C-alpha atoms as a PDB file:
ATOM      1  CA  MET A   1      93.287 133.725 114.042  1.00  0.00           C
ATOM      2  CA  ARG A   2      96.828 135.011 114.103  1.00  0.00           C
ATOM      3  CA  ALA A   3     100.057 133.077 113.751  1.00  0.00           C
ATOM      4  CA  CYS A   4     102.974 133.713 116.113  1.00  0.00           C
ATOM      5  CA  SER A   5     106.505 132.589 115.384  1.00  0.00           C
ATOM      6  CA  ALA A   6     109.882 132.711 117.087  1.00  0.00           C
ATOM      7  CA  ALA A   7     110.504 135.982 115.251  1.00  0.00           C
ATOM      8  CA  ASP A   8     107.636 137.690 117.081  1.00  0.00           C
ATOM      9  CA  ALA A   9     108.429 140.133 119.853  1.00  0.00           C
ATOM     10  CA  PRO A  10     108.737 138.429 123.271  1.00  0.00           C
ATOM     11  CA  GLY A  11     105.523 139.910 124.683  1.00  0.00           C
ATOM     12  CA  LEU A  12     103.442 139.729 121.526  1.00  0.00           C
ATOM     13  CA  LEU A  13      99.946 138.343 121.848  1.00  0.00           C
ATOM     14  CA  PRO A  14      96.954 139.535 119.840  1.00  0.00           C
ATOM     15  CA  ARG A  15      95.015 142.255 121.629  1.00  0.00           C
ATOM     16  CA  PRO A  16      91.407 141.574 122.589  1.00  0.00           C
ATOM     17  CA  GLY A  17      89.197 143.168 119.961  1.00  0.00           C
ATOM     18  CA  SER A  18      91.976 143.204 117.348  1.00  0.00           C
ATOM     19  CA  GLY A  19      89.911 140.864 115.210  1.00  0.00           C
ATOM     20  CA  PRO A  20      86.873 138.671 115.472  1.00  0.00           C
ATOM     21  CA  ALA A  21      87.255 135.515 117.527  1.00  0.00           C
ATOM     22  CA  PRO A  22      86.165 132.638 115.316  1.00  0.00           C
ATOM     23  CA  PHE A  23      84.569 130.866 118.288  1.00  0.00           C
ATOM     24  CA  ASP A  24      83.272 131.945 121.627  1.00  0.00           C
ATOM     25  CA  ILE A  25      82.049 129.989 124.617  1.00  0.00           C
ATOM     26  CA  ASP A  26      79.664 131.690 127.004  1.00  0.00           C
ATOM     27  CA  GLY A  27      80.714 135.050 125.550  1.00  0.00           C
ATOM     28  CA  GLU A  28      84.452 134.437 125.961  1.00  0.00           C
ATOM     29  CA  PRO A  29      86.767 133.789 122.996  1.00  0.00           C
ATOM     30  CA  LEU A  30      88.274 130.366 122.469  1.00  0.00           C
ATOM     31  CA  TRP A  31      92.043 130.649 122.131  1.00  0.00           C
ATOM     32  CA  LEU A  32      93.720 127.978 119.987  1.00  0.00           C
ATOM     33  CA  LEU A  33      97.498 127.813 120.295  1.00  0.00           C
ATOM     34  CA  GLY A  34      98.686 125.444 117.561  1.00  0.00           C
ATOM     35  CA  ASN A  35     102.275 124.191 117.649  1.00  0.00           C
ATOM     36  CA  HIS A  36     104.913 122.065 115.979  1.00  0.00           C
ATOM     37  CA  PHE A  37     108.017 121.745 118.124  1.00  0.00           C
ATOM     38  CA  LYS A  38     111.476 120.920 116.745  1.00  0.00           C
ATOM     39  CA  SER A  39     111.909 117.293 115.723  1.00  0.00           C
ATOM     40  CA  LYS A  40     114.289 114.842 117.384  1.00  0.00           C
ATOM     41  CA  ARG A  41     115.271 113.536 113.940  1.00  0.00           C
ATOM     42  CA  GLY A  42     118.736 114.453 112.817  1.00  0.00           C
ATOM     43  CA  GLY A  43     119.864 114.642 116.414  1.00  0.00           C
ATOM     44  CA  GLY A  44     119.278 117.218 119.050  1.00  0.00           C
ATOM     45  CA  GLY A  45     116.536 119.743 119.115  1.00  0.00           C
ATOM     46  CA  GLY A  46     116.147 119.328 122.877  1.00  0.00           C
ATOM     47  CA  ASP A  47     117.257 122.869 123.654  1.00  0.00           C
ATOM     48  CA  LYS A  48     114.939 124.290 121.002  1.00  0.00           C
ATOM     49  CA  ARG A  49     111.986 122.204 122.226  1.00  0.00           C
ATOM     50  CA  LYS A  50     112.672 123.342 125.776  1.00  0.00           C
ATOM     51  CA  LEU A  51     112.603 126.994 124.674  1.00  0.00           C
ATOM     52  CA  GLN A  52     109.464 126.330 122.652  1.00  0.00           C
ATOM     53  CA  GLY A  53     107.770 124.743 125.669  1.00  0.00           C
ATOM     54  CA  GLU A  54     108.725 127.699 127.850  1.00  0.00           C
ATOM     55  CA  ARG A  55     107.424 130.190 125.252  1.00  0.00           C
ATOM     56  CA  VAL A  56     104.127 128.384 124.699  1.00  0.00           C
ATOM     57  CA  ALA A  57     103.612 128.281 128.482  1.00  0.00           C
ATOM     58  CA  GLN A  58     104.066 132.089 128.505  1.00  0.00           C
ATOM     59  CA  LEU A  59     101.588 132.494 125.625  1.00  0.00           C
ATOM     60  CA  TYR A  60      99.115 130.211 127.398  1.00  0.00           C
ATOM     61  CA  ARG A  61      99.305 132.261 130.609  1.00  0.00           C
ATOM     62  CA  ALA A  62      98.831 135.470 128.600  1.00  0.00           C
ATOM     63  CA  ALA A  63      95.821 133.987 126.780  1.00  0.00           C
ATOM     64  CA  LEU A  64      94.284 133.036 130.147  1.00  0.00           C
ATOM     65  CA  GLU A  65      94.236 136.737 131.038  1.00  0.00           C
ATOM     66  CA  HIS A  66      91.730 137.199 128.189  1.00  0.00           C
ATOM     67  CA  SER A  67      89.727 133.974 128.402  1.00  0.00           C
ATOM     68  CA  ALA A  68      89.387 130.835 130.508  1.00  0.00           C
ATOM     69  CA  HIS A  69      88.949 128.847 127.279  1.00  0.00           C
ATOM     70  CA  VAL A  70      92.387 127.996 125.900  1.00  0.00           C
ATOM     71  CA  VAL A  71      93.606 124.994 123.879  1.00  0.00           C
ATOM     72  CA  VAL A  72      97.258 124.136 123.251  1.00  0.00           C
ATOM     73  CA  ALA A  73      97.647 121.524 120.523  1.00  0.00           C
ATOM     74  CA  GLY A  74     100.119 120.029 118.122  1.00  0.00           C
ATOM     75  CA  ASP A  75     103.093 117.813 117.498  1.00  0.00           C
ATOM     76  CA  LEU A  76     105.320 118.694 120.436  1.00  0.00           C
ATOM     77  CA  ASN A  77     107.865 115.982 119.542  1.00  0.00           C
ATOM     78  CA  ASP A  78     108.425 114.964 123.143  1.00  0.00           C
ATOM     79  CA  THR A  79     106.911 112.747 125.809  1.00  0.00           C
ATOM     80  CA  PRO A  80     104.955 113.638 128.961  1.00  0.00           C
ATOM     81  CA  GLY A  81     107.285 114.723 131.759  1.00  0.00           C
ATOM     82  CA  SER A  82     110.089 115.736 129.375  1.00  0.00           C
ATOM     83  CA  PRO A  83     111.662 119.183 129.907  1.00  0.00           C
ATOM     84  CA  PRO A  84     109.608 120.916 127.159  1.00  0.00           C
ATOM     85  CA  LEU A  85     106.366 119.413 128.474  1.00  0.00           C
ATOM     86  CA  THR A  86     107.040 120.244 132.131  1.00  0.00           C
ATOM     87  CA  PHE A  87     106.637 123.949 131.323  1.00  0.00           C
ATOM     88  CA  LEU A  88     103.155 123.271 129.934  1.00  0.00           C
ATOM     89  CA  GLU A  89     102.185 120.751 132.610  1.00  0.00           C
ATOM     90  CA  ALA A  90     103.151 123.278 135.318  1.00  0.00           C
ATOM     91  CA  THR A  91     100.587 125.764 133.988  1.00  0.00           C
ATOM     92  CA  GLY A  92      97.633 123.505 134.811  1.00  0.00           C
ATOM     93  CA  LEU A  93      96.986 122.504 131.198  1.00  0.00           C
ATOM     94  CA  LYS A  94      95.484 119.010 130.979  1.00  0.00           C
ATOM     95  CA  ASP A  95      96.157 116.540 128.173  1.00  0.00           C
ATOM     96  CA  ALA A  96      92.973 115.220 126.539  1.00  0.00           C
ATOM     97  CA  MET A  97      94.295 111.657 126.676  1.00  0.00           C
ATOM     98  CA  THR A  98      94.227 111.793 130.504  1.00  0.00           C
ATOM     99  CA  HIS A  99      90.451 112.390 130.430  1.00  0.00           C
ATOM    100  CA  ASP A 100      88.404 109.608 132.070  1.00  0.00           C
ATOM    101  CA  SER A 101      86.610 108.854 128.786  1.00  0.00           C
ATOM    102  CA  TYR A 102      89.789 107.961 126.895  1.00  0.00           C
ATOM    103  CA  GLU A 103      90.436 104.261 126.416  1.00  0.00           C
ATOM    104  CA  GLY A 104      93.217 103.021 124.201  1.00  0.00           C
ATOM    105  CA  PRO A 105      96.944 102.797 123.648  1.00  0.00           C
ATOM    106  CA  PRO A 106      99.104 105.572 125.095  1.00  0.00           C
ATOM    107  CA  GLY A 107     100.835 106.646 121.886  1.00  0.00           C
ATOM    108  CA  THR A 108     100.082 109.022 119.015  1.00  0.00           C
ATOM    109  CA  HIS A 109     103.008 108.242 116.705  1.00  0.00           C
ATOM    110  CA  GLY A 110     104.262 105.161 114.890  1.00  0.00           C
ATOM    111  CA  LYS A 111     102.958 101.971 116.490  1.00  0.00           C
ATOM    112  CA  CYS A 112     101.302 104.006 119.280  1.00  0.00           C
ATOM    113  CA  THR A 113     101.727 101.193 121.799  1.00  0.00           C
ATOM    114  CA  ASN A 114     104.231 102.696 124.256  1.00  0.00           C
ATOM    115  CA  PRO A 115     104.205 105.868 126.350  1.00  0.00           C
ATOM    116  CA  SER A 116     107.345 106.882 124.411  1.00  0.00           C
ATOM    117  CA  ASP A 117     105.114 106.995 121.281  1.00  0.00           C
ATOM    118  CA  LYS A 118     103.139 109.907 122.812  1.00  0.00           C
ATOM    119  CA  ILE A 119     104.373 113.126 121.154  1.00  0.00           C
ATOM    120  CA  ASP A 120     101.120 114.781 119.980  1.00  0.00           C
ATOM    121  CA  TYR A 121      98.876 116.752 122.295  1.00  0.00           C
ATOM    122  CA  LEU A 122      95.478 118.322 122.693  1.00  0.00           C
ATOM    123  CA  MET A 123      95.655 120.214 125.987  1.00  0.00           C
ATOM    124  CA  PHE A 124      92.883 122.167 127.681  1.00  0.00           C
ATOM    125  CA  SER A 125      92.694 124.887 130.293  1.00  0.00           C
ATOM    126  CA  PRO A 126      90.973 123.539 133.435  1.00  0.00           C
ATOM    127  CA  GLU A 127      87.677 125.334 132.714  1.00  0.00           C
ATOM    128  CA  LEU A 128      87.576 123.994 129.172  1.00  0.00           C
ATOM    129  CA  LEU A 129      88.551 120.462 130.281  1.00  0.00           C
ATOM    130  CA  ALA A 130      85.410 120.457 132.438  1.00  0.00           C
ATOM    131  CA  LYS A 131      83.396 120.709 129.200  1.00  0.00           C
ATOM    132  CA  VAL A 132      85.039 117.651 127.586  1.00  0.00           C
ATOM    133  CA  ASP A 133      82.655 114.701 127.215  1.00  0.00           C
ATOM    134  CA  LYS A 134      84.655 112.254 125.131  1.00  0.00           C
ATOM    135  CA  VAL A 135      88.199 111.759 123.849  1.00  0.00           C
ATOM    136  CA  GLU A 136      89.297 109.380 121.099  1.00  0.00           C
ATOM    137  CA  VAL A 137      92.440 108.952 119.037  1.00  0.00           C
ATOM    138  CA  GLU A 138      92.137 108.179 115.322  1.00  0.00           C
ATOM    139  CA  ARG A 139      95.055 105.968 114.284  1.00  0.00           C
ATOM    140  CA  ARG A 140      93.747 104.153 111.197  1.00  0.00           C
ATOM    141  CA  GLY A 141      95.651 106.459 108.851  1.00  0.00           C
ATOM    142  CA  ILE A 142      98.984 105.218 110.293  1.00  0.00           C
ATOM    143  CA  PHE A 143     100.506 102.210 108.524  1.00  0.00           C
ATOM    144  CA  GLU A 144     102.619 101.068 111.499  1.00  0.00           C
ATOM    145  CA  PHE A 145      99.645 101.003 113.875  1.00  0.00           C
ATOM    146  CA  GLY A 146      98.569  97.618 112.576  1.00  0.00           C
ATOM    147  CA  THR A 147      94.866  98.173 111.832  1.00  0.00           C
ATOM    148  CA  PRO A 148      94.892 100.869 109.156  1.00  0.00           C
ATOM    149  CA  PHE A 149      92.209 101.818 106.673  1.00  0.00           C
ATOM    150  CA  ASP A 150      92.019  99.421 103.692  1.00  0.00           C
ATOM    151  CA  THR A 151      93.605 102.072 101.493  1.00  0.00           C
ATOM    152  CA  VAL A 152      96.690 102.304 103.719  1.00  0.00           C
ATOM    153  CA  THR A 153      98.962  99.559 102.403  1.00  0.00           C
ATOM    154  CA  GLY A 154     102.358 101.013 103.296  1.00  0.00           C
ATOM    155  CA  PRO A 155     104.190 104.076 104.580  1.00  0.00           C
ATOM    156  CA  GLY A 156     103.906 105.760 101.177  1.00  0.00           C
ATOM    157  CA  ASP A 157     100.125 105.974 101.270  1.00  0.00           C
ATOM    158  CA  GLN A 158      99.480 106.481 104.964  1.00  0.00           C
ATOM    159  CA  ALA A 159      97.721 109.688 105.943  1.00  0.00           C
ATOM    160  CA  SER A 160     100.456 110.497 108.461  1.00  0.00           C
ATOM    161  CA  ASP A 161     102.734 108.827 110.959  1.00  0.00           C
ATOM    162  CA  HIS A 162     100.845 110.777 113.637  1.00  0.00           C
ATOM    163  CA  ALA A 163      97.395 110.073 115.047  1.00  0.00           C
ATOM    164  CA  ALA A 164      94.611 112.626 115.389  1.00  0.00           C
ATOM    165  CA  ILE A 165      93.380 113.352 118.905  1.00  0.00           C
ATOM    166  CA  VAL A 166      89.661 114.130 118.912  1.00  0.00           C
ATOM    167  CA  ALA A 167      87.669 115.601 121.784  1.00  0.00           C
ATOM    168  CA  GLU A 168      83.955 116.237 122.008  1.00  0.00           C
ATOM    169  CA  LEU A 169      82.962 119.142 124.243  1.00  0.00           C
ATOM    170  CA  ASP A 170      79.566 120.041 125.667  1.00  0.00           C
ATOM    171  CA  LEU A 171      79.332 123.740 124.887  1.00  0.00           C
END
């Protein structure tokens, strides 16, 4: 695994063979592109998130040149169809929560009940999406969700204010 940041050169992507791939599927490496886009808190961030979405879309396309098995995941701090997400959606990436097996509220943050609460993503390349069997979202660590674990009694002891998106793949 290798971390990339905004300080990296514009065309930088790890070279095939530059290190062992921690996972492979049918002999091809699995590329995991983890992200945390700029928050909306404190005002603004829209321009930064838009640039981040554009850059991650470029990294995704570059990763596809090396493997058909690519995952883009993280707290993208914006909703489906927003400017930062349109760059990723235009690449053919598919959000796990759109998979036929997913049943539940639309959100991943706070109360999780509205589409505007959807800001966390687990996105798959088309070939990898075909291997997804089941998608669930774990929300019990969120106090606001309403049905937390017994040990979550308030915001101070919640696991996070974000849910965990979980996908099972048949590899």
